């Protein structure tokens, strides 16, 4: 069971960071009880996931076309020295010829073709929304969210009196939240996720060819010397650079504002959450009521409701049971409000396997 829960937690972390080239995160769940255990047993499981991002680079061949040479004839009697320079890092060839006979010197020049292109593609941010579980009811959509004051009498008062070991969270204006009875960590399970993204680049040759026309070469006819001068400049390769970036996030519809309540019964402070009879409590370390709701919705432990307390080591309480009962306040699971306070109280909401019902106002005597 612990391995399965850890796998679900790691899977949740995968949804939260796809865009990063390297991402690491850890989620820990602390089981608690009423007896102190020393040392507290702990276990950490790590999962490494590698994603491959494919990039295709298209290279377009370049073809150089040299026009037909133009011939020019000059009759003269001189000594001519012709120098032919080859590719880089080659020796210089000097040809000297003196001849009264008629001869031809032909010079051919090939132009340089260089093309460098760079393209950047930026993907728009994408948000993936996870729909609520089947049968799920947000806490603020319950028919009894604002009941009469005496509605709490029918929500399990007798059952709570018969179970003195139930866990109750309370808060008062200007004071930190408290838990009763005293809870101690009994075990810690951590899941670590390391996500890496590798890039695979594939180069393809385009089906079309760019054609470049070089300058027209000239042929000369002299009466004294025959020499051929050839100067060749090889085109530089075509370079294309493509960069792709993008982000992705995951949103849980079941954890919207309609399922995170801090006030009720006319805007009064939610100051107490009664865990009910037959339910269990566990705690996870998160940093917000929304993250606490996500931990409940994605839990495999039949999570009935969640409470974001914010105490170190007890930030998020998950109220769980042995069965999954969507829409049912099992064991008298309920919250109550302070009739004299209008501040923001304990953030509380429903899970996929139950609801926390409005128990009305506290009896302040």
Protein backbone atom coordinates (compact mmCIF):
# COMPACT_ATOMS: atom_id res chain seq x y z
CA UNK A 1 0.00 0.00 0.00
CA UNK A 2 2.81 2.47 0.92
CA UNK A 3 4.58 1.83 -2.40
CA UNK A 4 1.33 2.44 -4.31
CA UNK A 5 0.67 5.69 -2.45
CA UNK A 6 4.23 6.81 -3.10
CA UNK A 7 3.85 6.04 -6.82
CA UNK A 8 0.75 8.25 -7.01
CA UNK A 9 2.60 11.06 -5.24
CA UNK A 10 5.51 10.79 -7.68
CA UNK A 11 3.11 10.73 -10.62
CA UNK A 12 1.61 14.00 -9.36
CA UNK A 13 5.09 15.57 -9.32
CA UNK A 14 5.59 14.56 -12.97
CA UNK A 15 2.60 16.73 -13.97
CA UNK A 16 4.08 19.77 -12.25
CA UNK A 17 7.29 20.22 -14.18
CA UNK A 18 7.59 19.11 -17.80
CA UNK A 19 9.34 22.09 -19.23
CA UNK A 20 12.53 21.94 -17.15
CA UNK A 21 15.61 20.17 -18.56
CA UNK A 22 16.33 18.82 -15.06
CA UNK A 23 13.84 18.82 -12.21
CA UNK A 24 14.00 17.34 -8.72
CA UNK A 25 11.34 17.31 -6.02
CA UNK A 26 10.38 15.37 -2.91
CA UNK A 27 7.05 14.76 -1.19
CA UNK A 28 6.83 13.26 2.32
CA UNK A 29 3.83 11.82 4.17
CA UNK A 30 3.91 11.60 7.99
CA UNK A 31 1.71 9.09 9.81
CA UNK A 32 0.84 10.12 13.37
CA UNK A 33 -0.53 8.51 16.51
CA UNK A 34 -1.19 9.27 20.14
CA UNK A 35 1.94 7.45 21.37
CA UNK A 36 5.51 8.67 20.92
CA UNK A 37 7.83 6.43 18.85
CA UNK A 38 11.64 6.80 18.96
CA UNK A 39 13.29 6.63 16.62
CA UNK A 40 10.61 7.45 14.00
CA UNK A 41 11.00 4.96 11.12
CA UNK A 42 11.39 6.58 7.71
CA UNK A 43 11.77 5.41 4.14
CA UNK A 44 12.63 7.28 0.93
CA UNK A 45 11.91 6.04 -2.58
CA UNK A 46 13.35 7.69 -5.67
CA UNK A 47 12.05 7.64 -9.21
CA UNK A 48 13.99 8.98 -12.19
CA UNK A 49 12.09 9.74 -15.40
CA UNK A 50 13.79 10.76 -18.64
CA UNK A 51 11.95 12.56 -21.45
CA UNK A 52 13.30 12.96 -24.98
CA UNK A 53 12.65 16.14 -26.95
CA UNK A 54 13.01 15.56 -30.72
CA UNK A 55 14.35 18.42 -32.87
CA UNK A 56 14.44 18.09 -36.68
CA UNK A 57 16.87 20.34 -38.56
CA UNK A 58 16.38 20.69 -42.32
CA UNK A 59 19.45 21.49 -44.43
CA UNK A 60 18.86 22.89 -47.92
CA UNK A 61 21.56 22.01 -50.52
CA UNK A 62 23.09 24.91 -52.48
CA UNK A 63 23.97 24.56 -56.15
CA UNK A 64 26.31 27.01 -57.90
CA UNK A 65 25.77 27.67 -61.65
CA UNK A 66 28.62 29.24 -63.63
CA UNK A 67 27.56 31.04 -66.87
CA UNK A 68 29.31 30.31 -70.14
CA UNK A 69 32.65 32.09 -70.40
CA UNK A 70 33.04 35.21 -72.53
CA UNK A 71 36.16 35.21 -74.76
CA UNK A 72 38.19 38.36 -75.45
CA UNK A 73 41.11 38.34 -77.91
CA UNK A 74 44.14 40.60 -77.51
CA UNK A 75 47.14 40.50 -79.83
CA UNK A 76 50.35 41.54 -78.23
CA UNK A 77 53.89 40.37 -77.73
CA UNK A 78 54.89 40.51 -74.09
CA UNK A 79 56.27 38.36 -71.36
CA UNK A 80 53.40 37.38 -68.99
CA UNK A 81 53.54 35.92 -65.52
CA UNK A 82 50.32 34.17 -64.29
CA UNK A 83 49.80 33.15 -60.67
CA UNK A 84 47.23 30.46 -59.76
CA UNK A 85 46.22 30.33 -56.11
CA UNK A 86 44.60 27.11 -54.93
CA UNK A 87 42.52 26.36 -51.82
CA UNK A 88 43.70 27.61 -48.39
CA UNK A 89 46.91 26.12 -47.00
CA UNK A 90 48.25 25.28 -50.52
CA UNK A 91 51.43 26.42 -52.26
CA UNK A 92 51.43 29.28 -54.82
CA UNK A 93 51.90 28.15 -58.45
CA UNK A 94 53.75 30.61 -60.71
CA UNK A 95 53.80 30.03 -64.48
CA UNK A 96 56.11 32.13 -66.67
CA UNK A 97 56.07 31.64 -70.45
CA UNK A 98 57.40 33.65 -73.34
CA UNK A 99 56.14 32.58 -76.75
CA UNK A 100 55.44 34.49 -79.90
CA UNK A 101 52.87 31.92 -81.00
CA UNK A 102 49.16 32.61 -80.61
CA UNK A 103 47.77 31.03 -77.44
CA UNK A 104 44.74 31.24 -75.07
CA UNK A 105 44.52 32.06 -71.39
CA UNK A 106 41.22 31.08 -69.71
CA UNK A 107 40.27 32.29 -66.23
CA UNK A 108 37.38 30.73 -64.35
CA UNK A 109 35.98 32.16 -61.10
CA UNK A 110 33.44 30.47 -58.82
CA UNK A 111 31.48 32.78 -56.48
CA UNK A 112 31.09 32.16 -52.76
CA UNK A 113 27.66 31.01 -51.51
CA UNK A 114 27.18 31.35 -47.78
CA UNK A 115 23.87 31.16 -45.99
CA UNK A 116 23.31 31.07 -42.22
CA UNK A 117 19.81 31.07 -40.77
CA UNK A 118 18.57 30.88 -37.17
CA UNK A 119 14.98 30.25 -36.15
CA UNK A 120 13.53 30.23 -32.62
CA UNK A 121 10.14 28.61 -31.94
CA UNK A 122 8.49 29.44 -28.60
CA UNK A 123 5.50 27.33 -27.58
CA UNK A 124 2.54 28.96 -25.78
CA UNK A 125 2.03 27.86 -22.11
CA UNK A 126 -0.37 24.92 -21.87
CA UNK A 127 -2.57 24.23 -18.80
CA UNK A 128 -3.99 20.74 -18.33
CA UNK A 129 -7.09 20.57 -16.07
CA UNK A 130 -7.92 17.37 -14.16
CA UNK A 131 -11.73 16.99 -13.72
CA UNK A 132 -13.27 16.21 -10.27
CA UNK A 133 -13.78 12.52 -9.30
CA UNK A 134 -17.16 10.87 -9.93
CA UNK A 135 -19.70 11.77 -7.23
CA UNK A 136 -17.54 14.62 -5.84
CA UNK A 137 -19.35 17.52 -4.07
CA UNK A 138 -17.50 20.81 -3.24
CA UNK A 139 -17.95 21.88 0.39
CA UNK A 140 -19.66 25.17 -0.54
CA UNK A 141 -22.16 23.35 -2.81
CA UNK A 142 -23.55 21.13 -0.04
CA UNK A 143 -27.27 21.77 0.66
CA UNK A 144 -26.54 22.20 4.40
CA UNK A 145 -23.58 24.55 4.11
CA UNK A 146 -25.48 27.28 6.11
CA UNK A 147 -27.84 25.31 8.45
CA UNK A 148 -29.77 26.32 11.53
CA UNK A 149 -27.72 26.59 14.73
CA UNK A 150 -29.17 23.39 16.21
CA UNK A 151 -28.40 21.33 13.09
CA UNK A 152 -25.24 20.02 14.80
CA UNK A 153 -27.37 17.95 17.21
CA UNK A 154 -28.09 15.44 14.43
CA UNK A 155 -24.49 15.09 13.21
CA UNK A 156 -22.98 12.59 15.59
CA UNK A 157 -22.70 14.21 19.02
CA UNK A 158 -23.54 10.90 20.70
CA UNK A 159 -21.03 9.08 18.47
CA UNK A 160 -18.28 11.56 19.37
CA UNK A 161 -18.93 11.11 23.08
CA UNK A 162 -18.42 7.37 22.67
CA UNK A 163 -15.00 7.87 20.95
CA UNK A 164 -12.67 9.94 23.20
CA UNK A 165 -9.68 9.20 20.92
CA UNK A 166 -11.02 11.19 17.92
CA UNK A 167 -8.81 13.95 16.50
CA UNK A 168 -10.14 17.53 16.70
CA UNK A 169 -8.51 20.64 15.16
CA UNK A 170 -9.35 24.03 16.69
CA UNK A 171 -8.39 27.66 16.17
CA UNK A 172 -9.20 30.96 17.90
CA UNK A 173 -8.77 34.55 16.57
CA UNK A 174 -5.18 35.71 17.09
CA UNK A 175 -3.96 32.29 18.25
CA UNK A 176 -2.28 29.36 16.40
CA UNK A 177 -4.29 26.24 15.53
CA UNK A 178 -4.25 23.28 17.96
CA UNK A 179 -4.85 19.53 17.72
CA UNK A 180 -6.33 17.23 20.39
CA UNK A 181 -5.31 14.73 21.58
CA UNK A 182 -1.48 15.25 21.39
CA UNK A 183 -0.14 13.59 18.21
CA UNK A 184 3.33 12.17 17.59
CA UNK A 185 4.95 11.11 14.30
CA UNK A 186 4.94 7.30 13.93
CA UNK A 187 6.41 6.93 10.43
CA UNK A 188 7.64 9.04 7.51
CA UNK A 189 7.52 8.00 3.87
CA UNK A 190 9.23 10.22 1.28
CA UNK A 191 9.13 10.01 -2.47
CA UNK A 192 11.81 11.73 -4.55
CA UNK A 193 11.39 12.51 -8.26
CA UNK A 194 14.23 13.38 -10.62
CA UNK A 195 13.12 14.37 -14.10
CA UNK A 196 15.53 14.98 -16.98
CA UNK A 197 14.94 15.99 -20.57
CA UNK A 198 17.35 14.96 -23.33
CA UNK A 199 17.44 16.44 -26.80
CA UNK A 200 17.62 14.29 -29.94
CA UNK A 201 18.51 16.21 -33.10
CA UNK A 202 17.85 14.76 -36.57
CA UNK A 203 19.18 16.41 -39.73
CA UNK A 204 17.26 16.01 -42.99
CA UNK A 205 18.22 17.12 -46.49
CA UNK A 206 15.53 19.27 -48.12
CA UNK A 207 13.91 18.03 -51.34
CA UNK A 208 14.59 21.37 -53.09
CA UNK A 209 17.93 23.01 -53.95
CA UNK A 210 18.85 26.70 -53.79
CA UNK A 211 20.60 27.79 -56.99
CA UNK A 212 23.18 30.62 -56.98
CA UNK A 213 24.48 32.10 -60.21
CA UNK A 214 28.15 32.99 -60.09
CA UNK A 215 29.76 35.92 -61.90
CA UNK A 216 30.33 35.44 -65.61
CA UNK A 217 33.92 34.25 -66.23
CA UNK A 218 36.04 35.77 -68.99
CA UNK A 219 38.38 34.04 -71.45
CA UNK A 220 41.27 35.98 -72.97
CA UNK A 221 43.21 35.20 -76.20
CA UNK A 222 46.80 36.49 -76.33
CA UNK A 223 49.36 36.25 -79.10
CA UNK A 224 52.24 35.62 -76.72
CA UNK A 225 51.40 33.34 -73.88
CA UNK A 226 48.91 30.59 -73.03
CA UNK A 227 48.02 30.13 -69.43
CA UNK A 228 45.01 28.93 -67.42
CA UNK A 229 44.21 30.60 -64.11
CA UNK A 230 41.52 28.99 -61.93
CA UNK A 231 40.38 30.46 -58.61
CA UNK A 232 37.81 28.41 -56.68
CA UNK A 233 36.04 29.38 -53.42
CA UNK A 234 33.99 26.58 -51.92
CA UNK A 235 30.57 27.63 -50.52
CA UNK A 236 30.24 27.53 -46.75
CA UNK A 237 27.73 25.01 -45.37
CA UNK A 238 24.18 26.15 -44.61
CA UNK A 239 23.59 26.29 -40.86
CA UNK A 240 20.12 26.35 -39.29
CA UNK A 241 19.47 26.63 -35.56
CA UNK A 242 16.04 25.83 -34.08
CA UNK A 243 15.25 26.37 -30.41
CA UNK A 244 12.00 25.14 -28.88
CA UNK A 245 10.70 26.17 -25.47
CA UNK A 246 7.38 25.78 -23.69
CA UNK A 247 5.70 25.30 -20.30
CA UNK A 248 2.95 23.05 -19.00
CA UNK A 249 0.99 23.07 -15.76
CA UNK A 250 -1.72 20.89 -14.23
CA UNK A 251 -4.83 22.26 -12.51
CA UNK A 252 -7.32 20.28 -10.38
CA UNK A 253 -10.91 21.47 -10.85
CA UNK A 254 -11.94 19.83 -7.55
CA UNK A 255 -9.61 22.19 -5.66
CA UNK A 256 -11.10 25.47 -6.82
CA UNK A 257 -12.48 28.22 -4.51
CA UNK A 258 -15.80 26.35 -4.16
CA UNK A 259 -14.06 23.51 -2.26
CA UNK A 260 -11.89 25.56 0.13
CA UNK A 261 -13.95 27.18 2.89
CA UNK A 262 -12.69 29.36 5.77
CA UNK A 263 -16.01 30.95 6.84
CA UNK A 264 -19.64 29.81 6.99
CA UNK A 265 -22.98 30.51 8.64
CA UNK A 266 -23.12 34.15 7.61
CA UNK A 267 -19.36 34.77 7.24
CA UNK A 268 -18.34 33.48 10.68
CA UNK A 269 -14.91 31.94 11.31
CA UNK A 270 -14.57 28.16 10.88
CA UNK A 271 -12.84 27.48 14.19
CA UNK A 272 -13.22 23.71 14.78
CA UNK A 273 -13.16 20.54 12.67
CA UNK A 274 -14.42 17.30 14.26
CA UNK A 275 -12.85 14.23 12.62
CA UNK A 276 -15.81 12.02 13.58
CA UNK A 277 -15.92 8.38 14.65
CA UNK A 278 -14.24 5.61 12.64
CA UNK A 279 -12.01 7.94 10.64
CA UNK A 280 -8.20 8.24 10.67
CA UNK A 281 -5.84 11.19 10.24
CA UNK A 282 -2.49 11.53 8.49
CA UNK A 283 -0.40 14.60 7.71
CA UNK A 284 1.54 15.76 4.64
CA UNK A 285 3.90 18.70 4.25
CA UNK A 286 2.51 21.26 1.75
CA UNK A 287 2.56 25.07 1.56
CA UNK A 288 -1.04 26.06 0.74
CA UNK A 289 -4.71 25.02 1.13
CA UNK A 290 -4.81 24.26 -2.63
CA UNK A 291 -1.85 21.84 -2.35
CA UNK A 292 -3.53 20.26 0.70
CA UNK A 293 -6.70 19.71 -1.39
CA UNK A 294 -4.65 18.16 -4.24
CA UNK A 295 -3.01 15.76 -1.76
CA UNK A 296 -6.49 14.62 -0.62
CA UNK A 297 -7.97 14.31 -4.13
CA UNK A 298 -5.00 12.26 -5.40
CA UNK A 299 -4.63 10.09 -2.28
CA UNK A 300 -5.36 6.35 -2.49
CA UNK A 301 -6.31 6.16 1.21
CA UNK A 302 -10.07 6.94 0.77
CA UNK A 303 -9.59 10.61 1.72
CA UNK A 304 -12.91 12.02 2.99
CA UNK A 305 -11.82 15.61 3.75
CA UNK A 306 -8.78 17.85 4.31
CA UNK A 307 -7.86 20.61 6.77
CA UNK A 308 -4.95 23.02 6.19
CA UNK A 309 -3.62 23.69 9.72
CA UNK A 310 -0.22 25.22 8.91
CA UNK A 311 1.63 23.96 11.99
CA UNK A 312 5.24 22.73 11.40
CA UNK A 313 5.00 18.97 10.80
CA UNK A 314 1.19 19.14 10.73
CA UNK A 315 0.62 21.51 7.80
CA UNK A 316 -2.10 19.46 6.08
CA UNK A 317 -4.42 16.93 7.78
CA UNK A 318 -6.00 14.24 5.58
CA UNK A 319 -9.08 12.58 7.13
CA UNK A 320 -9.37 9.05 5.71
CA UNK A 321 -11.50 5.94 6.17
CA UNK A 322 -11.67 2.24 5.34
CA UNK A 323 -14.35 2.75 2.65
CA UNK A 324 -15.03 5.35 -0.05
CA UNK A 325 -18.39 7.11 0.52
CA UNK A 326 -18.74 10.13 -1.82
CA UNK A 327 -21.15 12.74 -0.47
CA UNK A 328 -21.44 11.15 3.01
CA UNK A 329 -20.27 12.84 6.30
CA UNK A 330 -19.06 9.49 7.69
CA UNK A 331 -18.95 9.20 11.51
CA UNK A 332 -20.25 12.72 12.13
CA UNK A 333 -17.38 14.42 10.25
CA UNK A 334 -18.18 18.16 10.52
CA UNK A 335 -16.94 21.71 11.06
CA UNK A 336 -18.31 24.42 13.37
CA UNK A 337 -18.06 28.23 13.43
CA UNK A 338 -17.32 30.86 16.07
CA UNK A 339 -20.53 32.93 16.52
CA UNK A 340 -18.50 36.02 17.54
CA UNK A 341 -15.64 35.99 14.99
CA UNK A 342 -15.67 37.00 11.31
CA UNK A 343 -11.99 36.31 10.45
CA UNK A 344 -10.64 33.71 8.04
CA UNK A 345 -10.61 30.36 9.85
CA UNK A 346 -9.21 26.87 9.16
CA UNK A 347 -9.32 26.11 5.38
CA UNK A 348 -11.38 22.90 5.01
CA UNK A 349 -12.82 21.00 2.05
CA UNK A 350 -14.24 17.71 0.79
CA UNK A 351 -12.32 14.72 -0.60
CA UNK A 352 -13.35 12.20 -3.23
CA UNK A 353 -14.56 9.67 -0.61
CA UNK A 354 -16.74 11.83 1.66
CA UNK A 355 -17.71 15.30 2.85
CA UNK A 356 -17.27 17.41 5.96
CA UNK A 357 -20.68 18.76 6.96
CA UNK A 358 -21.61 22.14 8.47
CA UNK A 359 -22.26 21.56 12.19
CA UNK A 360 -23.49 25.11 12.87
CA UNK A 361 -22.16 27.52 15.48
CA UNK A 362 -20.24 26.52 18.60
CA UNK A 363 -21.98 26.80 21.96
CA UNK A 364 -19.93 29.57 23.58
CA UNK A 365 -20.56 29.37 27.33
